[in-house]
Protein backbone atom coordinates (compact mmCIF):
# COMPACT_ATOMS: atom_id res chain seq x y z
CA MET A 1 70.62 93.89 128.64
CA GLU A 2 72.69 96.88 127.52
CA PRO A 3 71.01 100.28 126.97
CA SER A 4 70.17 101.13 123.35
CA TYR A 5 70.24 104.87 122.58
CA PHE A 6 70.25 104.53 118.80
CA PRO A 7 67.55 102.35 117.21
CA ARG A 8 68.48 99.07 115.56
CA THR A 9 66.76 97.47 112.59
CA GLU A 10 66.97 93.73 111.92
CA ASN A 11 67.82 92.95 108.27
CA ASP A 12 67.89 89.19 107.72
CA SER A 13 68.65 89.62 104.00
CA LEU A 14 72.14 90.79 105.01
CA SER A 15 73.02 87.43 106.63
CA PHE A 16 73.80 85.93 103.19
CA ARG A 17 73.09 82.39 104.37
CA GLY A 18 74.68 79.82 102.06
CA LYS A 19 76.80 82.49 100.29
CA GLN A 20 80.51 81.79 100.23
CA LEU A 21 82.72 84.18 102.22
CA LEU A 22 86.07 83.29 100.62
CA SER A 23 85.72 83.47 96.86
CA GLY A 24 87.78 84.78 93.94
CA ARG A 25 90.78 86.87 94.90
CA HIS A 26 89.81 86.77 98.58
CA LYS A 27 91.01 83.15 98.67
CA ILE A 28 94.67 84.10 98.43
CA HIS A 29 95.01 84.49 102.22
CA PRO A 30 92.35 84.15 104.95
CA TYR A 31 92.13 86.85 107.59
CA PRO A 32 90.41 87.22 110.99
CA ALA A 33 86.87 88.63 111.05
CA MET A 34 86.76 89.31 107.33
CA LEU A 35 83.96 91.41 105.97
CA HIS A 36 81.58 89.54 103.77
CA PRO A 37 82.10 90.82 100.16
CA LEU A 38 78.32 90.77 99.54
CA LEU A 39 77.76 93.07 102.53
CA VAL A 40 80.31 95.52 101.12
CA ASP A 41 78.59 95.32 97.72
CA TYR A 42 75.21 96.04 99.35
CA LEU A 43 76.50 99.13 101.15
CA LEU A 44 78.31 100.45 98.13
CA GLU A 45 75.20 100.05 96.00
CA LYS A 46 72.89 101.55 98.62
CA TYR A 47 74.88 104.63 99.53
CA ILE A 48 77.09 105.49 96.54
CA ASN A 49 75.17 106.96 93.64
CA LYS A 50 77.84 108.50 91.48
CA PRO A 51 80.46 106.67 89.42
CA ARG A 52 84.16 106.83 90.34
CA SER A 53 83.59 107.79 93.99
CA THR A 54 86.39 107.62 96.55
CA ILE A 55 86.09 104.96 99.28
CA LEU A 56 88.26 104.97 102.40
CA ASP A 57 88.75 101.94 104.62
CA PRO A 58 90.89 103.02 107.63
CA PHE A 59 91.04 99.47 109.04
CA CYS A 60 91.31 97.73 105.64
CA GLY A 61 92.60 94.33 106.86
CA SER A 62 92.86 92.00 103.91
CA GLY A 63 91.25 94.48 101.52
CA VAL A 64 87.68 93.27 101.08
CA THR A 65 86.26 96.78 100.89
CA LEU A 66 89.08 97.86 98.62
CA LEU A 67 88.70 95.02 96.10
CA GLN A 68 84.88 95.26 96.05
CA GLY A 69 85.22 99.05 95.55
CA VAL A 70 87.62 98.54 92.59
CA LEU A 71 85.27 95.97 91.06
CA ARG A 72 82.59 98.64 91.11
CA LYS A 73 84.99 101.10 89.45
CA HIS A 74 85.58 103.30 92.47
CA ASP A 75 88.83 104.81 93.71
CA VAL A 76 89.93 103.30 96.97
CA ILE A 77 92.23 104.17 99.87
CA GLY A 78 93.26 101.74 102.56
CA PHE A 79 95.00 102.17 105.92
CA ASP A 80 96.15 99.40 108.27
CA ILE A 81 99.03 99.01 110.71
CA ASN A 82 99.46 95.28 109.91
CA PRO A 83 102.07 94.74 107.15
CA ILE A 84 100.60 91.39 106.07
CA ALA A 85 97.21 93.00 105.76
CA MET A 86 98.78 95.64 103.48
CA LEU A 87 100.54 93.00 101.43
CA ILE A 88 97.29 91.05 100.92
CA SER A 89 95.39 94.23 100.05
CA LYS A 90 98.01 95.23 97.51
CA VAL A 91 97.97 91.78 95.89
CA LYS A 92 94.17 91.65 95.71
CA THR A 93 93.85 95.10 94.10
CA SER A 94 96.78 94.86 91.63
CA THR A 95 96.57 94.00 87.93
CA TYR A 96 98.59 91.15 86.50
CA ASP A 97 100.02 90.32 83.12
CA LYS A 98 98.93 86.73 82.51
CA VAL A 99 101.97 85.64 80.53
CA THR A 100 104.38 87.22 82.97
CA LEU A 101 102.67 85.75 86.03
CA TYR A 102 102.69 82.21 84.64
CA ASP A 103 106.25 82.55 83.38
CA GLU A 104 107.37 83.62 86.83
CA LEU A 105 105.50 80.70 88.42
CA GLU A 106 107.30 78.27 86.10
CA ASP A 107 110.63 79.90 86.91
CA ILE A 108 109.89 79.53 90.64
CA LYS A 109 108.98 75.88 90.17
CA ASP A 110 112.27 75.19 88.41
CA ALA A 111 114.34 77.16 90.93
CA VAL A 112 112.76 75.53 93.96
CA SER A 113 113.09 72.04 92.42
CA ASN A 114 116.72 72.40 91.31
CA SER A 115 118.25 74.28 94.22
CA GLN A 116 118.94 73.40 97.83
CA ASP A 117 119.90 76.94 98.77
CA VAL A 118 117.91 78.31 101.70
CA ASP A 119 117.34 81.68 103.34
CA ILE A 120 115.99 81.34 106.86
CA PRO A 121 115.22 84.58 108.73
CA SER A 122 115.98 84.99 112.39
CA ILE A 123 112.76 83.80 114.11
CA ARG A 124 112.49 83.46 117.83
CA ASN A 125 111.69 79.86 118.95
CA ILE A 126 111.46 78.70 115.35
CA ASP A 127 111.68 75.05 116.39
CA THR A 128 108.66 75.56 118.62
CA TRP A 129 106.45 76.47 115.71
CA TYR A 130 107.82 74.50 112.74
CA ASP A 131 109.13 71.04 111.91
CA PRO A 132 112.84 71.32 110.87
CA LYS A 133 112.03 69.99 107.35
CA VAL A 134 109.29 72.63 107.01
CA VAL A 135 111.79 75.33 107.94
CA LEU A 136 114.19 74.17 105.21
CA ASP A 137 111.51 74.11 102.54
CA LEU A 138 110.13 77.51 103.52
CA GLY A 139 113.74 78.68 103.39
CA ARG A 140 114.11 77.33 99.84
CA ILE A 141 111.07 79.24 98.56
CA ARG A 142 112.13 82.35 100.40
CA HIS A 143 115.61 82.13 98.88
CA VAL A 144 114.17 82.05 95.37
CA LEU A 145 111.82 84.95 95.98
CA LYS A 146 114.57 87.00 97.62
CA SER A 147 117.25 86.35 95.03
CA LYS A 148 115.17 87.05 91.90
CA ASP A 149 113.58 90.26 90.72
CA TYR A 150 110.09 89.09 89.85
CA ARG A 151 107.61 91.62 88.54
CA HIS A 152 104.79 90.04 90.57
CA LYS A 153 106.86 89.13 93.62
CA SER A 154 104.20 90.41 96.04
CA PHE A 155 101.71 87.88 94.69
CA PHE A 156 104.02 84.97 95.46
CA LEU A 157 104.94 86.43 98.85
CA ALA A 158 101.24 86.45 99.78
CA CYS A 159 101.07 82.77 98.73
CA LEU A 160 104.14 82.08 100.86
CA ALA A 161 102.59 83.85 103.85
CA TYR A 162 99.54 81.63 103.52
CA VAL A 163 101.74 78.47 103.52
CA CYS A 164 103.78 79.65 106.48
CA ARG A 165 100.72 79.69 108.73
CA HIS A 166 99.21 76.53 107.25
CA GLN A 167 102.40 74.51 107.82
CA SER A 168 103.14 75.80 111.31
CA TYR A 169 102.31 74.07 114.57
CA THR A 170 99.54 76.50 115.43
CA ARG A 171 96.14 75.01 116.18
CA ASN A 172 93.45 75.24 113.52
CA GLY A 173 90.49 77.48 114.29
CA GLU A 174 92.50 79.88 116.49
CA PHE A 175 93.52 83.47 115.81
CA LYS A 176 96.16 83.72 118.51
CA ARG A 177 99.20 81.45 118.67
CA TYR A 178 98.34 78.20 120.39
CA ARG A 179 100.62 75.27 119.72
CA MET A 180 98.97 72.00 118.72
CA PRO A 181 99.52 69.01 121.06
CA GLU A 182 102.53 66.78 120.55
CA SER A 183 100.46 63.92 119.11
CA LYS A 184 99.28 66.15 116.28
CA ARG A 185 102.73 67.67 115.74
CA ASN A 186 104.16 64.18 115.32
CA ASN A 187 101.52 63.37 112.70
CA SER A 188 101.85 66.63 110.74
CA LYS A 189 103.22 66.36 107.21
CA ASN A 190 105.69 68.58 105.43
CA GLU A 191 103.72 69.79 102.39
CA VAL A 192 105.36 73.18 102.01
CA ILE A 193 106.50 73.03 98.41
CA PRO A 194 103.50 71.24 96.84
CA LEU A 195 101.11 73.45 98.86
CA PHE A 196 102.89 76.65 97.79
CA LEU A 197 103.04 75.65 94.12
CA ASN A 198 99.45 74.39 94.07
CA HIS A 199 98.11 77.48 95.84
CA SER A 200 100.10 79.77 93.60
CA GLU A 201 98.82 77.99 90.47
CA ILE A 202 95.17 78.15 91.59
CA MET A 203 95.52 81.83 92.44
CA CYS A 204 97.24 82.55 89.12
CA GLU A 205 94.15 81.24 87.37
CA VAL A 206 91.79 83.20 89.60
CA PHE A 207 93.71 86.46 89.36
CA THR A 208 94.03 86.36 85.54
CA GLN A 209 90.45 85.35 84.74
CA ASN A 210 89.20 88.94 84.61
CA LYS A 211 91.11 92.19 84.47
CA LEU A 212 90.28 94.69 87.18
CA PRO A 213 88.84 98.09 86.18
CA SER A 214 91.35 100.90 86.00
CA THR A 215 90.92 102.99 89.19
CA SER A 216 93.09 104.83 91.69
CA ILE A 217 94.38 102.68 94.59
CA HIS A 218 96.33 104.10 97.49
CA LEU A 219 97.54 101.93 100.40
CA HIS A 220 99.24 103.28 103.52
CA ARG A 221 100.58 101.35 106.47
CA ALA A 222 99.31 103.80 109.01
CA ASP A 223 98.34 104.06 112.69
CA VAL A 224 94.92 105.74 112.50
CA ASP A 225 94.78 106.89 116.10
CA ALA A 226 97.93 108.94 115.47
CA ASN A 227 97.86 112.26 113.65
CA LEU A 228 97.17 111.54 109.96
CA GLU A 229 98.50 114.01 107.44
CA PHE A 230 97.08 113.01 104.11
CA ASP A 231 95.52 115.30 101.53
CA LEU A 232 92.28 113.40 101.05
CA GLU A 233 88.59 113.89 100.30
CA VAL A 234 86.41 110.84 100.29
CA ASP A 235 82.78 110.13 99.52
CA MET A 236 82.50 107.16 101.84
CA ILE A 237 84.21 105.58 104.83
CA LEU A 238 83.38 101.87 104.92
CA THR A 239 85.21 99.76 107.49
CA SER A 240 85.16 97.16 110.20
CA PRO A 241 87.34 98.21 113.17
CA PRO A 242 88.66 95.99 115.99
CA TYR A 243 85.95 94.93 118.39
CA GLY A 244 86.25 96.36 121.85
CA ASP A 245 89.78 96.18 123.30
CA SER A 246 93.41 95.67 122.29
CA GLY A 247 92.98 91.90 122.46
CA THR A 248 91.36 91.93 119.01
CA THR A 249 94.33 93.75 117.43
CA VAL A 250 96.69 91.26 119.11
CA ALA A 251 94.70 88.42 117.52
CA TYR A 252 95.17 89.98 114.06
CA GLU A 253 98.87 90.35 114.68
CA GLN A 254 99.30 86.80 115.93
CA TYR A 255 97.19 85.32 113.11
CA THR A 256 99.42 86.93 110.47
CA SER A 257 102.70 86.67 112.41
CA PHE A 258 103.81 83.50 110.67
CA GLY A 259 103.78 85.11 107.26
CA PHE A 260 105.19 88.32 108.71
CA GLU A 261 108.30 86.60 110.03
CA TRP A 262 109.13 85.05 106.66
CA THR A 263 108.24 87.96 104.33
CA ASN A 264 108.64 91.23 106.22
CA ASP A 265 112.10 92.17 104.89
CA LEU A 266 110.99 91.24 101.33
CA THR A 267 108.23 93.84 101.25
CA PRO A 268 110.09 97.16 101.78
CA GLU A 269 107.01 99.34 101.11
CA PHE A 270 105.18 97.78 104.10
CA GLU A 271 108.17 96.63 106.17
CA ALA A 272 107.65 97.01 109.90
CA GLU A 273 109.49 96.56 113.21
CA PRO A 274 108.79 93.22 114.91
CA ASN A 275 106.84 94.93 117.66
CA TYR A 276 104.78 97.15 115.32
CA TYR A 277 101.56 95.94 116.93
CA LYS A 278 102.41 97.75 120.14
CA LYS A 279 101.36 100.94 118.33
CA SER A 280 98.01 99.42 117.30
CA LEU A 281 94.66 100.60 118.54
CA GLY A 282 94.30 100.29 122.31
CA ASN A 283 97.95 99.84 123.10
CA LYS A 284 98.62 103.45 124.18
CA LYS A 285 97.97 104.88 127.63
CA ASN A 286 95.52 107.74 127.24
CA SER A 287 93.51 110.28 129.15
CA GLY A 288 90.08 108.62 128.85
CA ASN A 289 88.49 111.70 127.28
CA GLY A 290 86.80 109.56 124.65
CA VAL A 291 85.12 107.53 127.40
CA SER A 292 83.83 110.14 129.79
CA ASN A 293 81.62 111.90 127.24
CA VAL A 294 79.62 108.85 126.22
CA GLU A 295 77.16 107.57 128.78
CA VAL A 296 76.68 104.04 127.38
CA LEU A 297 80.49 103.59 127.33
CA SER A 298 81.15 105.01 130.81
CA GLU A 299 78.44 102.72 132.21
CA THR A 300 80.03 99.72 130.51
CA ILE A 301 83.46 100.64 131.86
CA LYS A 302 82.07 100.92 135.37
CA ARG A 303 80.57 97.42 135.21
CA ILE A 304 83.84 95.94 134.04
CA GLU A 305 85.78 97.92 136.65
CA GLU A 306 83.72 96.37 139.42
CA LEU A 307 84.94 92.95 138.25
CA ASP A 308 88.51 93.74 137.10
CA SER A 309 90.01 97.22 137.30
CA LYS A 310 93.02 96.34 135.14
CA ARG A 311 90.82 95.00 132.35
CA ALA A 312 88.66 98.13 132.61
CA SER A 313 91.79 100.21 132.08
CA VAL A 314 92.66 98.23 128.94
CA VAL A 315 89.16 98.78 127.55
CA THR A 316 89.39 102.50 128.43
CA ASP A 317 92.67 102.82 126.55
CA PHE A 318 91.15 101.08 123.53
CA PHE A 319 88.18 103.40 123.35
CA ASP A 320 90.27 106.50 123.83
CA GLY A 321 92.30 105.41 120.81
CA TYR A 322 89.16 104.45 118.92
CA TYR A 323 87.66 107.87 119.51
CA ARG A 324 90.80 109.55 118.16
CA ALA A 325 90.81 107.22 115.12
CA LEU A 326 87.25 108.13 114.24
CA ARG A 327 88.01 111.81 114.67
CA ASN A 328 91.12 111.51 112.47
CA VAL A 329 89.41 109.76 109.58
CA CYS A 330 86.08 111.62 109.60
CA LYS A 331 87.86 114.86 108.74
CA TYR A 332 88.44 113.42 105.25
CA LEU A 333 84.76 112.93 104.55
CA LYS A 334 83.13 115.25 101.99
CA PRO A 335 79.89 117.10 102.77
CA ASN A 336 77.00 114.66 102.48
CA GLY A 337 79.51 111.80 102.61
CA ILE A 338 78.47 108.54 104.29
CA VAL A 339 80.10 106.51 107.08
CA CYS A 340 79.46 102.80 107.53
CA PHE A 341 81.11 101.05 110.46
CA ILE A 342 80.55 97.29 110.69
CA VAL A 343 81.04 96.26 114.31
CA GLY A 344 80.40 93.44 116.76
CA ASN A 345 79.36 93.71 120.38
CA ARG A 346 81.84 91.43 122.10
CA LEU A 347 82.03 90.29 125.74
CA VAL A 348 84.67 91.43 128.20
CA LYS A 349 84.43 89.89 131.66
CA ASN A 350 81.05 88.59 130.49
CA GLN A 351 79.87 92.18 130.06
CA THR A 352 78.57 93.16 126.61
CA ILE A 353 80.40 96.12 125.07
CA PRO A 354 77.72 97.82 122.86
CA LEU A 355 80.20 98.90 120.19
CA ASP A 356 77.37 99.86 117.81
CA GLN A 357 75.99 102.39 120.32
CA ILE A 358 79.46 103.64 121.21
CA THR A 359 80.39 104.06 117.55
CA ALA A 360 77.21 105.95 116.77
CA SER A 361 77.86 108.19 119.80
CA PHE A 362 81.40 108.91 118.70
CA LEU A 363 80.35 109.64 115.12
CA THR A 364 77.53 112.00 116.09
CA SER A 365 79.95 113.79 118.45
CA GLN A 366 81.97 114.61 115.33
CA GLY A 367 79.00 116.34 113.77
CA MET A 368 77.62 113.38 111.85
CA THR A 369 73.92 112.75 111.57
CA PHE A 370 72.78 109.29 112.63
CA GLU A 371 70.87 107.34 109.92
CA SER A 372 70.55 103.74 111.02
CA ILE A 373 71.99 100.64 112.58
CA PHE A 374 71.30 97.45 110.66
CA VAL A 375 71.62 94.17 112.49
CA ARG A 376 72.61 91.04 110.60
CA ASN A 377 73.20 87.43 111.74
CA ILE A 378 76.77 86.19 111.23
CA CYS A 379 76.66 82.89 109.38
CA ASN A 380 80.14 82.55 107.86
CA LYS A 381 82.53 85.13 109.33
CA VAL A 382 86.13 83.90 109.89
CA MET A 383 85.96 83.67 113.69
CA PRO A 384 86.55 81.04 116.39
CA SER A 385 83.30 79.49 117.55
CA ARG A 386 84.23 79.86 121.25
CA ASN A 387 86.24 82.38 123.19
CA SER A 388 87.20 83.22 126.76
CA PRO A 389 85.61 86.54 127.68
CA SER A 390 86.79 86.35 131.28
CA ASN A 391 90.36 85.27 130.41
CA LEU A 392 89.98 82.36 132.80
CA LYS A 393 91.24 78.97 131.70
CA GLY A 394 88.37 76.66 130.83
CA VAL A 395 85.70 79.38 131.04
CA GLN A 396 84.25 79.91 127.54
CA SER A 397 81.21 81.28 125.81
CA SER A 398 80.00 81.51 122.25
CA THR A 399 81.43 84.33 120.20
CA MET A 400 79.13 87.01 118.85
CA THR A 401 76.39 85.91 116.43
CA SER A 402 75.30 89.32 115.22
CA GLU A 403 76.96 92.15 113.43
CA TYR A 404 75.88 95.82 113.44
CA ILE A 405 76.20 98.23 110.54
CA VAL A 406 76.32 101.78 111.95
CA VAL A 407 75.45 104.38 109.27
CA CYS A 408 75.93 108.14 109.69
CA ARG A 409 76.08 111.02 107.23
CA ASN A 410 78.22 114.17 107.19
CA THR A 411 75.62 116.95 107.15
CA THR A 412 78.00 119.67 108.31
């Protein structure tokens, strides 16, 4: 059992059993390890007392914190290195003119139905991941979106990104790219166009049901463990970072890679190099300074090193970057501001990485005052049910079943 330096408090009410994870605007595109919107609502209500506060999510993913913040009439700021994450976040937090959105959908329907023109990007091993007919139909939709100047183009690109993954040969229930067996590939159906149009129509209805409050929204595709030079002051940092080593950031990249390949050059504000993920958290060789100063982390690294020195080095690099990322974003927190990090304690080489304890240690080293760690059961997080913590073929264990909400306050 891992050492616990900061006390934990079980809070079963935060498990939200029976409460839907994907609802409303969040349905436009699933995303790995999504925060539960009701958890975000709870934390905003508990810790933010003044109207029109500023909320920062430095690992914003698909924008759950951002959208829930906007719905509560707060200003929001989101960082993420993943361009599809930024696209989804933008789409979720944007306002839409109902007439224009439906007019554009009708125009897209007509254009896709009446044209055989295609625009197929250069994708490595495209035949490995898509049926040839699927490629042509994705190319037809892409051609229409590329050739026309739609006001709400980002909305339809997010719908296209959803379809790209859904119609690929990747196995269901996986974050990383794993090709489905030949028997399933042979039985797969090309439903690109009806799926795209149906998903777009459903989302049009969802996104135009209620107008979002008018707030300030700033999105930046940014590497948070690099030097950040933004002029910001925030009341709250509310986020869920990657869990424990660079493998989690790779999973995010691979999960969204299908949409990225088909939409990247059509989203200039978030456009990225194909290997952008190599700059993500944990992919830089570092000094290990963030590790040596935290006893619970150094003990964990030692246990992993006894089993696999290379894997221990990967974990060390991750936490060195994680330490810098926390240091970089905490400087934007106002006096008496609150920090909420939602983390999971995953296994590496069958050793538990106590990310909640490590996060609390890192935050208090930045002058924060520890307040609490809430523990909640995970009932409906978008995660695979099994993983391979030892990276050995056939050796699996259950993924984490608890989530930890680390809360600290800036009392400096």
